[in-house]
């Protein structure tokens, strides 16, 4: 019973820190994109493509963390009431 509580806590930490990290990463990247496109507007298309690819990779890293947390929760029967 105690292990299920600890697994639930660990899953919450994994998902919470992943969401915070992904949000900060995308915010910093978006800010740098706006700065660089203001300096060199002729490169805006190339920068935008790179930004969307990196945003997808950042989101993919968060979703992988969420999937691992879900796997831990299911493997330890955290969702099944005792």
Foldseek 3Di string as FASTA:
>chain_A
DVVLVVLVVVLVVLLVVLVVVLVVVLVVLVVVLVVVCVVPVVCNVVSVVVSVVVNVVSVVVSVVSNVVSVVSNVVVVSVPDD
